[in-house]
PDB file of all heavy atoms in Angstrom:
ATOM      1  N   LEU A   1       0.816  -1.193  -0.014  1.00  0.00           N
ATOM      2  CA  LEU A   1       0.007   0.010  -0.001  1.00  0.00           C
ATOM      3  C   LEU A   1       0.868   1.257  -0.010  1.00  0.00           C
ATOM      4  O   LEU A   1       1.973   1.263   0.551  1.00  0.00           O
ATOM      5  CB  LEU A   1      -0.922   0.019   1.219  1.00  0.00           C
ATOM      6  CG  LEU A   1      -1.897  -1.168   1.326  1.00  0.00           C
ATOM      7  CD1 LEU A   1      -2.597  -1.150   2.689  1.00  0.00           C
ATOM      8  CD2 LEU A   1      -2.929  -1.136   0.198  1.00  0.00           C
ATOM      9  N   GLU A   2       0.345   2.324  -0.588  1.00  0.00           N
ATOM     10  CA  GLU A   2       1.084   3.592  -0.623  1.00  0.00           C
ATOM     11  C   GLU A   2       0.976   4.303   0.700  1.00  0.00           C
ATOM     12  O   GLU A   2      -0.165   4.540   1.180  1.00  0.00           O
ATOM     13  CB  GLU A   2       0.531   4.451  -1.778  1.00  0.00           C
ATOM     14  CG  GLU A   2       1.262   5.791  -1.905  1.00  0.00           C
ATOM     15  CD  GLU A   2       0.725   6.610  -3.053  1.00  0.00           C
ATOM     16  OE1 GLU A   2       1.027   6.314  -4.176  1.00  0.00           O
ATOM     17  OE2 GLU A   2      -0.054   7.547  -2.753  1.00  0.00           O
ATOM     18  N   PHE A   3       2.101   4.627   1.294  1.00  0.00           N
ATOM     19  CA  PHE A   3       2.115   5.285   2.579  1.00  0.00           C
ATOM     20  C   PHE A   3       1.537   6.703   2.487  1.00  0.00           C
ATOM     21  O   PHE A   3       1.839   7.429   1.530  1.00  0.00           O
ATOM     22  CB  PHE A   3       3.544   5.348   3.164  1.00  0.00           C
ATOM     23  CG  PHE A   3       4.137   4.043   3.477  1.00  0.00           C
ATOM     24  CD1 PHE A   3       5.530   3.848   3.479  1.00  0.00           C
ATOM     25  CD2 PHE A   3       3.343   2.985   3.864  1.00  0.00           C
ATOM     26  CE1 PHE A   3       6.089   2.623   3.789  1.00  0.00           C
ATOM     27  CE2 PHE A   3       3.881   1.726   4.180  1.00  0.00           C
ATOM     28  CZ  PHE A   3       5.258   1.571   4.179  1.00  0.00           C
ATOM     29  N   GLY A   4       0.758   7.045   3.506  1.00  0.00           N
ATOM     30  CA  GLY A   4       0.260   8.395   3.606  1.00  0.00           C
ATOM     31  C   GLY A   4      -1.065   8.664   2.900  1.00  0.00           C
ATOM     32  O   GLY A   4      -1.732   9.644   3.151  1.00  0.00           O
ATOM     33  N   THR A   5      -1.433   7.725   2.010  1.00  0.00           N
ATOM     34  CA  THR A   5      -2.731   7.816   1.299  1.00  0.00           C
ATOM     35  C   THR A   5      -3.526   6.548   1.480  1.00  0.00           C
ATOM     36  O   THR A   5      -4.600   6.519   2.072  1.00  0.00           O
ATOM     37  CB  THR A   5      -2.487   8.135  -0.201  1.00  0.00           C
ATOM     38  OG1 THR A   5      -1.604   7.131  -0.737  1.00  0.00           O
ATOM     39  CG2 THR A   5      -1.903   9.507  -0.401  1.00  0.00           C
ATOM     40  N   GLU A   6      -2.998   5.431   0.960  1.00  0.00           N
ATOM     41  CA  GLU A   6      -3.695   4.138   1.070  1.00  0.00           C
ATOM     42  C   GLU A   6      -3.492   3.533   2.459  1.00  0.00           C
ATOM     43  O   GLU A   6      -4.346   2.799   2.971  1.00  0.00           O
ATOM     44  CB  GLU A   6      -3.186   3.149   0.017  1.00  0.00           C
ATOM     45  CG  GLU A   6      -3.504   3.580  -1.401  1.00  0.00           C
ATOM     46  CD  GLU A   6      -2.969   2.607  -2.416  1.00  0.00           C
ATOM     47  OE1 GLU A   6      -1.901   2.006  -2.194  1.00  0.00           O
ATOM     48  OE2 GLU A   6      -3.638   2.402  -3.447  1.00  0.00           O
ATOM     49  N   LEU A   7      -2.368   3.809   3.091  1.00  0.00           N
ATOM     50  CA  LEU A   7      -2.084   3.348   4.430  1.00  0.00           C
ATOM     51  C   LEU A   7      -1.559   4.538   5.272  1.00  0.00           C
ATOM     52  O   LEU A   7      -0.552   5.124   4.984  1.00  0.00           O
ATOM     53  CB  LEU A   7      -1.038   2.226   4.434  1.00  0.00           C
ATOM     54  CG  LEU A   7      -0.659   1.651   5.813  1.00  0.00           C
ATOM     55  CD1 LEU A   7      -1.870   1.107   6.542  1.00  0.00           C
ATOM     56  CD2 LEU A   7       0.426   0.597   5.691  1.00  0.00           C
ATOM     57  N   LEU A   8      -2.340   4.862   6.320  1.00  0.00           N
ATOM     58  CA  LEU A   8      -1.996   5.971   7.181  1.00  0.00           C
ATOM     59  C   LEU A   8      -1.199   5.455   8.398  1.00  0.00           C
ATOM     60  O   LEU A   8      -1.535   4.400   8.960  1.00  0.00           O
ATOM     61  CB  LEU A   8      -3.252   6.704   7.651  1.00  0.00           C
ATOM     62  CG  LEU A   8      -4.201   7.123   6.548  1.00  0.00           C
ATOM     63  CD1 LEU A   8      -5.440   7.831   7.126  1.00  0.00           C
ATOM     64  CD2 LEU A   8      -3.472   8.054   5.551  1.00  0.00           C
ATOM     65  N   ILE A   9      -0.162   6.164   8.781  1.00  0.00           N
ATOM     66  CA  ILE A   9       0.720   5.734   9.854  1.00  0.00           C
ATOM     67  C   ILE A   9       1.040   6.907  10.764  1.00  0.00           C
ATOM     68  O   ILE A   9       1.346   7.986  10.300  1.00  0.00           O
ATOM     69  CB  ILE A   9       2.054   5.160   9.269  1.00  0.00           C
ATOM     70  CG1 ILE A   9       1.758   4.038   8.281  1.00  0.00           C
ATOM     71  CG2 ILE A   9       2.929   4.644  10.434  1.00  0.00           C
ATOM     72  CD1 ILE A   9       2.994   3.590   7.510  1.00  0.00           C
ATOM     73  N   SER A  10       0.970   6.676  12.053  1.00  0.00           N
ATOM     74  CA  SER A  10       1.236   7.707  13.054  1.00  0.00           C
ATOM     75  C   SER A  10       1.938   7.171  14.286  1.00  0.00           C
ATOM     76  O   SER A  10       1.892   5.952  14.529  1.00  0.00           O
ATOM     77  CB  SER A  10      -0.054   8.387  13.509  1.00  0.00           C
ATOM     78  OG  SER A  10      -0.676   9.137  12.481  1.00  0.00           O
ATOM     79  N   HIS A  11       2.537   8.085  14.987  1.00  0.00           N
ATOM     80  CA  HIS A  11       3.076   7.781  16.339  1.00  0.00           C
ATOM     81  C   HIS A  11       2.324   8.680  17.324  1.00  0.00           C
ATOM     82  O   HIS A  11       2.303   9.916  17.168  1.00  0.00           O
ATOM     83  CB  HIS A  11       4.563   8.041  16.403  1.00  0.00           C
ATOM     84  CG  HIS A  11       5.134   7.828  17.781  1.00  0.00           C
ATOM     85  ND1 HIS A  11       4.990   6.631  18.482  1.00  0.00           N
ATOM     86  CD2 HIS A  11       5.863   8.628  18.614  1.00  0.00           C
ATOM     87  CE1 HIS A  11       5.599   6.734  19.635  1.00  0.00           C
ATOM     88  NE2 HIS A  11       6.128   7.922  19.763  1.00  0.00           N
ATOM     89  N   SER A  12       1.708   8.078  18.341  1.00  0.00           N
ATOM     90  CA  SER A  12       1.034   8.847  19.384  1.00  0.00           C
ATOM     91  C   SER A  12       1.395   8.212  20.718  1.00  0.00           C
ATOM     92  O   SER A  12       0.750   7.298  21.198  1.00  0.00           O
ATOM     93  CB  SER A  12      -0.470   8.869  19.192  1.00  0.00           C
ATOM     94  OG  SER A  12      -1.086   9.701  20.176  1.00  0.00           O
ATOM     95  N   PRO A  13       2.488   8.659  21.312  1.00  0.00           N
ATOM     96  CA  PRO A  13       3.004   8.043  22.531  1.00  0.00           C
ATOM     97  C   PRO A  13       2.107   8.201  23.732  1.00  0.00           C
ATOM     98  O   PRO A  13       1.458   9.225  23.890  1.00  0.00           O
ATOM     99  CB  PRO A  13       4.349   8.752  22.750  1.00  0.00           C
ATOM    100  CG  PRO A  13       4.176  10.064  22.126  1.00  0.00           C
ATOM    101  CD  PRO A  13       3.293   9.853  20.940  1.00  0.00           C
ATOM    102  N   GLU A  14       2.014   7.123  24.541  1.00  0.00           N
ATOM    103  CA  GLU A  14       1.264   7.256  25.787  1.00  0.00           C
ATOM    104  C   GLU A  14       1.983   8.239  26.696  1.00  0.00           C
ATOM    105  O   GLU A  14       3.202   8.349  26.674  1.00  0.00           O
ATOM    106  CB  GLU A  14       1.118   5.876  26.447  1.00  0.00           C
ATOM    107  CG  GLU A  14       2.379   5.116  26.656  1.00  0.00           C
ATOM    108  CD  GLU A  14       3.120   5.492  27.936  1.00  0.00           C
ATOM    109  OE1 GLU A  14       2.531   6.223  28.777  1.00  0.00           O
ATOM    110  OE2 GLU A  14       4.265   5.113  28.110  1.00  0.00           O
ATOM    111  N   ARG A  15       1.211   8.948  27.518  1.00  0.00           N
ATOM    112  CA  ARG A  15       1.804   9.954  28.428  1.00  0.00           C
ATOM    113  C   ARG A  15       1.117   9.858  29.799  1.00  0.00           C
ATOM    114  O   ARG A  15       0.744  10.857  30.359  1.00  0.00           O
ATOM    115  CB  ARG A  15       1.603  11.376  27.853  1.00  0.00           C
ATOM    116  CG  ARG A  15       2.140  11.543  26.420  1.00  0.00           C
ATOM    117  CD  ARG A  15       1.752  12.885  25.847  1.00  0.00           C
ATOM    118  NE  ARG A  15       2.710  13.929  26.166  1.00  0.00           N
ATOM    119  CZ  ARG A  15       2.475  15.228  26.090  1.00  0.00           C
ATOM    120  NH1 ARG A  15       1.260  15.646  25.736  1.00  0.00           N
ATOM    121  NH2 ARG A  15       3.399  16.119  26.359  1.00  0.00           N
ATOM    122  N   VAL A  16       1.015   8.614  30.264  1.00  0.00           N
ATOM    123  CA  VAL A  16       0.267   8.397  31.518  1.00  0.00           C
ATOM    124  C   VAL A  16       1.186   7.770  32.548  1.00  0.00           C
ATOM    125  O   VAL A  16       2.267   7.268  32.248  1.00  0.00           O
ATOM    126  CB  VAL A  16      -0.927   7.474  31.254  1.00  0.00           C
ATOM    127  CG1 VAL A  16      -1.943   8.154  30.319  1.00  0.00           C
ATOM    128  CG2 VAL A  16      -0.506   6.109  30.694  1.00  0.00           C
ATOM    129  N   ILE A  17       0.728   7.788  33.768  1.00  0.00           N
ATOM    130  CA  ILE A  17       1.500   7.252  34.889  1.00  0.00           C
ATOM    131  C   ILE A  17       0.699   6.098  35.529  1.00  0.00           C
ATOM    132  O   ILE A  17      -0.527   6.206  35.702  1.00  0.00           O
ATOM    133  CB  ILE A  17       1.795   8.340  35.930  1.00  0.00           C
ATOM    134  CG1 ILE A  17       2.762   7.829  36.983  1.00  0.00           C
ATOM    135  CG2 ILE A  17       0.537   8.861  36.605  1.00  0.00           C
ATOM    136  CD1 ILE A  17       3.300   8.921  37.878  1.00  0.00           C
ATOM    137  N   PRO A  18       1.344   4.956  35.813  1.00  0.00           N
ATOM    138  CA  PRO A  18       0.648   3.870  36.476  1.00  0.00           C
ATOM    139  C   PRO A  18      -0.020   4.324  37.756  1.00  0.00           C
ATOM    140  O   PRO A  18       0.535   5.125  38.541  1.00  0.00           O
ATOM    141  CB  PRO A  18       1.776   2.856  36.756  1.00  0.00           C
ATOM    142  CG  PRO A  18       2.777   3.104  35.680  1.00  0.00           C
ATOM    143  CD  PRO A  18       2.733   4.624  35.475  1.00  0.00           C
ATOM    144  N   GLY A  19      -1.245   3.834  37.976  1.00  0.00           N
ATOM    145  CA  GLY A  19      -2.026   4.252  39.139  1.00  0.00           C
ATOM    146  C   GLY A  19      -3.029   5.305  38.809  1.00  0.00           C
ATOM    147  O   GLY A  19      -4.045   5.450  39.511  1.00  0.00           O
ATOM    148  N   ARG A  20      -2.767   6.064  37.730  1.00  0.00           N
ATOM    149  CA  ARG A  20      -3.708   7.138  37.306  1.00  0.00           C
ATOM    150  C   ARG A  20      -3.924   7.083  35.808  1.00  0.00           C
ATOM    151  O   ARG A  20      -4.177   8.106  35.160  1.00  0.00           O
ATOM    152  CB  ARG A  20      -3.157   8.494  37.695  1.00  0.00           C
ATOM    153  CG  ARG A  20      -3.037   8.711  39.178  1.00  0.00           C
ATOM    154  CD  ARG A  20      -2.391  10.069  39.518  1.00  0.00           C
ATOM    155  NE  ARG A  20      -3.092  11.148  38.876  1.00  0.00           N
ATOM    156  CZ  ARG A  20      -2.657  12.421  38.884  1.00  0.00           C
ATOM    157  NH1 ARG A  20      -1.513  12.713  39.443  1.00  0.00           N
ATOM    158  NH2 ARG A  20      -3.370  13.371  38.293  1.00  0.00           N
ATOM    159  N   ILE A  21      -3.829   5.898  35.219  1.00  0.00           N
ATOM    160  CA  ILE A  21      -3.860   5.802  33.772  1.00  0.00           C
ATOM    161  C   ILE A  21      -5.147   6.292  33.167  1.00  0.00           C
ATOM    162  O   ILE A  21      -5.147   7.070  32.203  1.00  0.00           O
ATOM    163  CB  ILE A  21      -3.583   4.325  33.326  1.00  0.00           C
ATOM    164  CG1 ILE A  21      -2.098   4.000  33.546  1.00  0.00           C
ATOM    165  CG2 ILE A  21      -3.967   4.117  31.845  1.00  0.00           C
ATOM    166  CD1 ILE A  21      -1.697   2.594  33.147  1.00  0.00           C
ATOM    167  N   PHE A  22      -6.303   5.896  33.712  1.00  0.00           N
ATOM    168  CA  PHE A  22      -7.577   6.264  33.074  1.00  0.00           C
ATOM    169  C   PHE A  22      -7.835   7.748  33.205  1.00  0.00           C
ATOM    170  O   PHE A  22      -8.372   8.338  32.258  1.00  0.00           O
ATOM    171  CB  PHE A  22      -8.689   5.420  33.686  1.00  0.00           C
ATOM    172  CG  PHE A  22      -8.657   3.988  33.253  1.00  0.00           C
ATOM    173  CD1 PHE A  22      -8.227   3.001  34.121  1.00  0.00           C
ATOM    174  CD2 PHE A  22      -9.015   3.601  31.966  1.00  0.00           C
ATOM    175  CE1 PHE A  22      -8.138   1.675  33.736  1.00  0.00           C
ATOM    176  CE2 PHE A  22      -8.924   2.302  31.559  1.00  0.00           C
ATOM    177  CZ  PHE A  22      -8.503   1.352  32.429  1.00  0.00           C
ATOM    178  N   GLU A  23      -7.495   8.329  34.320  1.00  0.00           N
ATOM    179  CA  GLU A  23      -7.657   9.741  34.512  1.00  0.00           C
ATOM    180  C   GLU A  23      -6.785  10.534  33.451  1.00  0.00           C
ATOM    181  O   GLU A  23      -7.249  11.480  32.805  1.00  0.00           O
ATOM    182  CB  GLU A  23      -7.248  10.173  35.907  1.00  0.00           C
ATOM    183  CG  GLU A  23      -7.294  11.670  36.157  1.00  0.00           C
ATOM    184  CD  GLU A  23      -6.736  12.020  37.518  1.00  0.00           C
ATOM    185  OE1 GLU A  23      -6.583  11.140  38.388  1.00  0.00           O
ATOM    186  OE2 GLU A  23      -6.440  13.212  37.736  1.00  0.00           O
ATOM    187  N   GLU A  24      -5.557  10.072  33.285  1.00  0.00           N
ATOM    188  CA  GLU A  24      -4.623  10.783  32.425  1.00  0.00           C
ATOM    189  C   GLU A  24      -4.864  10.488  30.947  1.00  0.00           C
ATOM    190  O   GLU A  24      -4.557  11.334  30.096  1.00  0.00           O
ATOM    191  CB  GLU A  24      -3.211  10.489  32.830  1.00  0.00           C
ATOM    192  CG  GLU A  24      -2.891  11.012  34.236  1.00  0.00           C
ATOM    193  CD  GLU A  24      -1.402  11.188  34.534  1.00  0.00           C
ATOM    194  OE1 GLU A  24      -0.570  10.708  33.730  1.00  0.00           O
ATOM    195  OE2 GLU A  24      -1.060  11.823  35.556  1.00  0.00           O
ATOM    196  N   LEU A  25      -5.384   9.288  30.618  1.00  0.00           N
ATOM    197  CA  LEU A  25      -5.733   9.032  29.228  1.00  0.00           C
ATOM    198  C   LEU A  25      -6.730  10.059  28.728  1.00  0.00           C
ATOM    199  O   LEU A  25      -6.699  10.484  27.556  1.00  0.00           O
ATOM    200  CB  LEU A  25      -6.332   7.614  29.093  1.00  0.00           C
ATOM    201  CG  LEU A  25      -5.391   6.447  28.912  1.00  0.00           C
ATOM    202  CD1 LEU A  25      -6.145   5.140  28.896  1.00  0.00           C
ATOM    203  CD2 LEU A  25      -4.557   6.562  27.627  1.00  0.00           C
ATOM    204  N   VAL A  26      -7.633  10.460  29.609  1.00  0.00           N
ATOM    205  CA  VAL A  26      -8.696  11.395  29.242  1.00  0.00           C
ATOM    206  C   VAL A  26      -8.214  12.835  29.320  1.00  0.00           C
ATOM    207  O   VAL A  26      -8.442  13.627  28.387  1.00  0.00           O
ATOM    208  CB  VAL A  26      -9.929  11.180  30.138  1.00  0.00           C
ATOM    209  CG1 VAL A  26     -10.981  12.243  29.876  1.00  0.00           C
ATOM    210  CG2 VAL A  26     -10.511   9.816  29.948  1.00  0.00           C
ATOM    211  N   GLN A  27      -7.564  13.199  30.422  1.00  0.00           N
ATOM    212  CA  GLN A  27      -7.301  14.621  30.698  1.00  0.00           C
ATOM    213  C   GLN A  27      -5.990  15.137  30.100  1.00  0.00           C
ATOM    214  O   GLN A  27      -5.907  16.341  29.764  1.00  0.00           O
ATOM    215  CB  GLN A  27      -7.264  14.825  32.231  1.00  0.00           C
ATOM    216  CG  GLN A  27      -8.549  14.467  32.914  1.00  0.00           C
ATOM    217  CD  GLN A  27      -9.753  15.338  32.475  1.00  0.00           C
ATOM    218  OE1 GLN A  27      -9.578  16.444  31.987  1.00  0.00           O
ATOM    219  NE2 GLN A  27     -10.965  14.804  32.626  1.00  0.00           N
ATOM    220  N   ASN A  28      -4.989  14.320  29.929  1.00  0.00           N
ATOM    221  CA  ASN A  28      -3.700  14.773  29.425  1.00  0.00           C
ATOM    222  C   ASN A  28      -3.769  15.212  27.975  1.00  0.00           C
ATOM    223  O   ASN A  28      -4.491  14.613  27.184  1.00  0.00           O
ATOM    224  CB  ASN A  28      -2.610  13.715  29.579  1.00  0.00           C
ATOM    225  CG  ASN A  28      -2.217  13.502  31.017  1.00  0.00           C
ATOM    226  OD1 ASN A  28      -2.729  14.155  31.911  1.00  0.00           O
ATOM    227  ND2 ASN A  28      -1.239  12.623  31.239  1.00  0.00           N
ATOM    228  N   ASP A  29      -2.971  16.252  27.628  1.00  0.00           N
ATOM    229  CA  ASP A  29      -2.788  16.552  26.198  1.00  0.00           C
ATOM    230  C   ASP A  29      -2.125  15.375  25.528  1.00  0.00           C
ATOM    231  O   ASP A  29      -1.432  14.590  26.137  1.00  0.00           O
ATOM    232  CB  ASP A  29      -1.899  17.788  26.065  1.00  0.00           C
ATOM    233  CG  ASP A  29      -2.625  19.086  26.348  1.00  0.00           C
ATOM    234  OD1 ASP A  29      -3.749  19.004  26.877  1.00  0.00           O
ATOM    235  OD2 ASP A  29      -2.062  20.152  26.051  1.00  0.00           O
ATOM    236  N   ARG A  30      -2.339  15.242  24.223  1.00  0.00           N
ATOM    237  CA  ARG A  30      -1.770  14.148  23.468  1.00  0.00           C
ATOM    238  C   ARG A  30      -1.004  14.650  22.275  1.00  0.00           C
ATOM    239  O   ARG A  30      -1.382  15.640  21.642  1.00  0.00           O
ATOM    240  CB  ARG A  30      -2.909  13.194  23.004  1.00  0.00           C
ATOM    241  CG  ARG A  30      -2.387  11.885  22.504  1.00  0.00           C
ATOM    242  CD  ARG A  30      -3.351  10.750  22.666  1.00  0.00           C
ATOM    243  NE  ARG A  30      -2.609   9.495  22.505  1.00  0.00           N
ATOM    244  CZ  ARG A  30      -2.700   8.460  23.301  1.00  0.00           C
ATOM    245  NH1 ARG A  30      -3.485   8.548  24.352  1.00  0.00           N
ATOM    246  NH2 ARG A  30      -1.999   7.375  23.095  1.00  0.00           N
TER     247      ARG A  30
END
């Protein structure tokens, strides 16, 4: 597949801390 058109690819790193993952998944900037 052609990259960027037929197949989209991204990197979106997690930015959460264990113990507060669900809170930070929602509230943190991404």
